[in-house]
């Protein structure tokens, strides 16, 4: 028989590509958007993204967000004119699936090699 195998998500990560976020009421209500921490996003995530993706953020781009259970969500990543970054579109699908509420803390990891965000 096969030995027990630990199948936990084990990514070789650069922790500088992780941003933490305490959810606000507007992140989990009808606004249907997650406000990403601007300073951390620009410092840790943007430098790791492909140039073309970064240049299209004002027009919005579709990105994939995966959770530790392997669920995959397609959300819209956009940079507003005020310079702030948001997940929009299907963000509320994630909120409902995870049961997120105000003051929950999430971490987002950008996986540069696969161009995917992970919620951890």
C-alpha atoms as a PDB file:
ATOM      1  CA  UNK A   1       0.000   0.000   0.000  1.00  0.00           C
ATOM      2  CA  UNK A   2       1.049   3.532  -0.605  1.00  0.00           C
ATOM      3  CA  UNK A   3       2.256   5.585   2.305  1.00  0.00           C
ATOM      4  CA  UNK A   4       0.138   8.528   3.364  1.00  0.00           C
ATOM      5  CA  UNK A   5       1.036  11.532   1.286  1.00  0.00           C
ATOM      6  CA  UNK A   6       0.583  15.071   2.547  1.00  0.00           C
ATOM      7  CA  UNK A   7      -1.092  16.956  -0.295  1.00  0.00           C
ATOM      8  CA  UNK A   8      -1.183  20.389   1.349  1.00  0.00           C
ATOM      9  CA  UNK A   9      -0.551  23.335  -0.922  1.00  0.00           C
ATOM     10  CA  UNK A  10       3.178  23.867  -0.805  1.00  0.00           C
ATOM     11  CA  UNK A  11       4.345  26.690  -2.991  1.00  0.00           C
ATOM     12  CA  UNK A  12       7.933  27.777  -3.107  1.00  0.00           C
ATOM     13  CA  UNK A  13       7.138  31.382  -2.425  1.00  0.00           C
ATOM     14  CA  UNK A  14       8.929  34.629  -2.193  1.00  0.00           C
ATOM     15  CA  UNK A  15       7.131  36.170   0.757  1.00  0.00           C
ATOM     16  CA  UNK A  16       7.697  39.616  -0.714  1.00  0.00           C
ATOM     17  CA  UNK A  17       4.967  38.755  -3.248  1.00  0.00           C
ATOM     18  CA  UNK A  18       2.340  38.365  -0.515  1.00  0.00           C
ATOM     19  CA  UNK A  19       0.056  41.171   0.574  1.00  0.00           C
ATOM     20  CA  UNK A  20      -2.252  41.044   3.572  1.00  0.00           C
ATOM     21  CA  UNK A  21      -5.654  42.661   3.749  1.00  0.00           C
ATOM     22  CA  UNK A  22      -8.197  43.105   6.532  1.00  0.00           C
ATOM     23  CA  UNK A  23     -11.562  43.153   4.774  1.00  0.00           C
ATOM     24  CA  UNK A  24     -13.715  46.245   5.148  1.00  0.00           C
ATOM     25  CA  UNK A  25     -17.480  46.439   4.858  1.00  0.00           C
ATOM     26  CA  UNK A  26     -17.187  47.744   1.299  1.00  0.00           C
ATOM     27  CA  UNK A  27     -14.980  44.750   0.388  1.00  0.00           C
ATOM     28  CA  UNK A  28     -17.760  42.312   1.275  1.00  0.00           C
ATOM     29  CA  UNK A  29     -20.972  44.187   0.462  1.00  0.00           C
ATOM     30  CA  UNK A  30     -22.863  45.066  -2.680  1.00  0.00           C
ATOM     31  CA  UNK A  31     -20.015  47.212  -4.100  1.00  0.00           C
ATOM     32  CA  UNK A  32     -18.668  43.975  -5.617  1.00  0.00           C
ATOM     33  CA  UNK A  33     -15.027  44.981  -5.338  1.00  0.00           C
ATOM     34  CA  UNK A  34     -11.985  44.353  -3.203  1.00  0.00           C
ATOM     35  CA  UNK A  35      -9.804  47.371  -2.565  1.00  0.00           C
ATOM     36  CA  UNK A  36      -6.187  46.196  -2.706  1.00  0.00           C
ATOM     37  CA  UNK A  37      -3.587  47.901  -0.486  1.00  0.00           C
ATOM     38  CA  UNK A  38      -1.990  50.349  -2.924  1.00  0.00           C
ATOM     39  CA  UNK A  39       1.471  50.696  -1.374  1.00  0.00           C
ATOM     40  CA  UNK A  40       1.966  46.950  -0.924  1.00  0.00           C
ATOM     41  CA  UNK A  41       0.500  46.163  -4.342  1.00  0.00           C
ATOM     42  CA  UNK A  42       2.834  48.609  -6.082  1.00  0.00           C
ATOM     43  CA  UNK A  43       5.850  47.586  -4.018  1.00  0.00           C
ATOM     44  CA  UNK A  44       5.485  43.797  -4.023  1.00  0.00           C
ATOM     45  CA  UNK A  45       3.136  42.677  -6.806  1.00  0.00           C
ATOM     46  CA  UNK A  46       3.476  45.083  -9.748  1.00  0.00           C
ATOM     47  CA  UNK A  47       7.250  44.587 -10.158  1.00  0.00           C
ATOM     48  CA  UNK A  48       6.628  40.842 -10.515  1.00  0.00           C
ATOM     49  CA  UNK A  49       3.903  41.177 -13.162  1.00  0.00           C
ATOM     50  CA  UNK A  50       4.471  41.092 -16.894  1.00  0.00           C
ATOM     51  CA  UNK A  51       4.842  44.560 -18.391  1.00  0.00           C
ATOM     52  CA  UNK A  52       1.895  44.115 -20.776  1.00  0.00           C
ATOM     53  CA  UNK A  53      -0.422  43.165 -17.913  1.00  0.00           C
ATOM     54  CA  UNK A  54       0.615  46.222 -15.892  1.00  0.00           C
ATOM     55  CA  UNK A  55       0.118  48.536 -18.887  1.00  0.00           C
ATOM     56  CA  UNK A  56      -3.456  47.265 -19.364  1.00  0.00           C
ATOM     57  CA  UNK A  57      -4.602  47.718 -15.763  1.00  0.00           C
ATOM     58  CA  UNK A  58      -6.359  51.024 -16.505  1.00  0.00           C
ATOM     59  CA  UNK A  59      -8.500  49.191 -19.067  1.00  0.00           C
ATOM     60  CA  UNK A  60      -8.904  46.242 -16.663  1.00  0.00           C
ATOM     61  CA  UNK A  61      -7.581  42.733 -17.112  1.00  0.00           C
ATOM     62  CA  UNK A  62      -8.967  39.349 -16.191  1.00  0.00           C
ATOM     63  CA  UNK A  63      -6.856  37.421 -13.707  1.00  0.00           C
ATOM     64  CA  UNK A  64      -7.281  34.068 -12.027  1.00  0.00           C
ATOM     65  CA  UNK A  65      -7.557  33.749  -8.261  1.00  0.00           C
ATOM     66  CA  UNK A  66      -7.196  30.281  -6.743  1.00  0.00           C
ATOM     67  CA  UNK A  67      -7.800  29.144  -3.202  1.00  0.00           C
ATOM     68  CA  UNK A  68      -6.028  26.409  -1.249  1.00  0.00           C
ATOM     69  CA  UNK A  69      -8.788  23.940  -2.185  1.00  0.00           C
ATOM     70  CA  UNK A  70      -8.054  24.379  -5.886  1.00  0.00           C
ATOM     71  CA  UNK A  71     -11.147  26.443  -6.656  1.00  0.00           C
ATOM     72  CA  UNK A  72     -10.539  28.907  -9.459  1.00  0.00           C
ATOM     73  CA  UNK A  73     -12.192  32.300  -9.873  1.00  0.00           C
ATOM     74  CA  UNK A  74     -11.878  34.745 -12.755  1.00  0.00           C
ATOM     75  CA  UNK A  75     -11.901  38.325 -11.498  1.00  0.00           C
ATOM     76  CA  UNK A  76     -11.225  41.684 -13.066  1.00  0.00           C
ATOM     77  CA  UNK A  77      -8.154  43.573 -11.861  1.00  0.00           C
ATOM     78  CA  UNK A  78      -8.335  47.292 -12.509  1.00  0.00           C
ATOM     79  CA  UNK A  79      -6.475  50.458 -11.616  1.00  0.00           C
ATOM     80  CA  UNK A  80      -8.854  53.370 -11.097  1.00  0.00           C
ATOM     81  CA  UNK A  81      -8.008  56.917 -12.146  1.00  0.00           C
ATOM     82  CA  UNK A  82      -7.333  57.712  -8.479  1.00  0.00           C
ATOM     83  CA  UNK A  83      -4.462  55.194  -8.608  1.00  0.00           C
ATOM     84  CA  UNK A  84      -6.104  52.533  -6.432  1.00  0.00           C
ATOM     85  CA  UNK A  85      -6.291  48.860  -7.418  1.00  0.00           C
ATOM     86  CA  UNK A  86      -9.363  46.634  -7.175  1.00  0.00           C
ATOM     87  CA  UNK A  87     -10.560  43.115  -7.803  1.00  0.00           C
ATOM     88  CA  UNK A  88     -13.990  43.417  -9.391  1.00  0.00           C
ATOM     89  CA  UNK A  89     -16.365  41.322 -11.442  1.00  0.00           C
ATOM     90  CA  UNK A  90     -16.593  37.916  -9.809  1.00  0.00           C
ATOM     91  CA  UNK A  91     -15.043  39.054  -6.512  1.00  0.00           C
ATOM     92  CA  UNK A  92     -18.397  38.517  -4.778  1.00  0.00           C
ATOM     93  CA  UNK A  93     -18.346  34.850  -5.859  1.00  0.00           C
ATOM     94  CA  UNK A  94     -15.235  34.475  -3.710  1.00  0.00           C
ATOM     95  CA  UNK A  95     -16.833  36.372  -0.813  1.00  0.00           C
ATOM     96  CA  UNK A  96     -19.883  34.101  -0.878  1.00  0.00           C
ATOM     97  CA  UNK A  97     -17.912  30.875  -1.362  1.00  0.00           C
ATOM     98  CA  UNK A  98     -15.575  31.667   1.512  1.00  0.00           C
ATOM     99  CA  UNK A  99     -18.171  33.298   3.751  1.00  0.00           C
ATOM    100  CA  UNK A 100     -15.976  36.368   4.168  1.00  0.00           C
ATOM    101  CA  UNK A 101     -17.175  39.165   6.404  1.00  0.00           C
ATOM    102  CA  UNK A 102     -15.846  42.491   7.611  1.00  0.00           C
ATOM    103  CA  UNK A 103     -12.593  42.265   9.615  1.00  0.00           C
ATOM    104  CA  UNK A 104     -11.609  38.865   8.182  1.00  0.00           C
ATOM    105  CA  UNK A 105      -7.965  38.816   7.144  1.00  0.00           C
ATOM    106  CA  UNK A 106      -6.832  37.416   3.826  1.00  0.00           C
ATOM    107  CA  UNK A 107      -3.441  37.097   2.176  1.00  0.00           C
ATOM    108  CA  UNK A 108      -2.910  37.295  -1.557  1.00  0.00           C
ATOM    109  CA  UNK A 109       0.089  35.673  -3.161  1.00  0.00           C
ATOM    110  CA  UNK A 110       1.079  36.506  -6.731  1.00  0.00           C
ATOM    111  CA  UNK A 111       2.489  33.426  -8.455  1.00  0.00           C
ATOM    112  CA  UNK A 112       4.655  35.019 -11.129  1.00  0.00           C
ATOM    113  CA  UNK A 113       5.418  31.812 -13.011  1.00  0.00           C
ATOM    114  CA  UNK A 114       1.729  30.959 -13.530  1.00  0.00           C
ATOM    115  CA  UNK A 115       0.366  34.534 -13.446  1.00  0.00           C
ATOM    116  CA  UNK A 116      -2.193  33.565 -10.827  1.00  0.00           C
ATOM    117  CA  UNK A 117      -3.190  34.997  -7.459  1.00  0.00           C
ATOM    118  CA  UNK A 118      -3.664  32.631  -4.530  1.00  0.00           C
ATOM    119  CA  UNK A 119      -5.822  33.458  -1.535  1.00  0.00           C
ATOM    120  CA  UNK A 120      -4.071  31.945   1.456  1.00  0.00           C
END
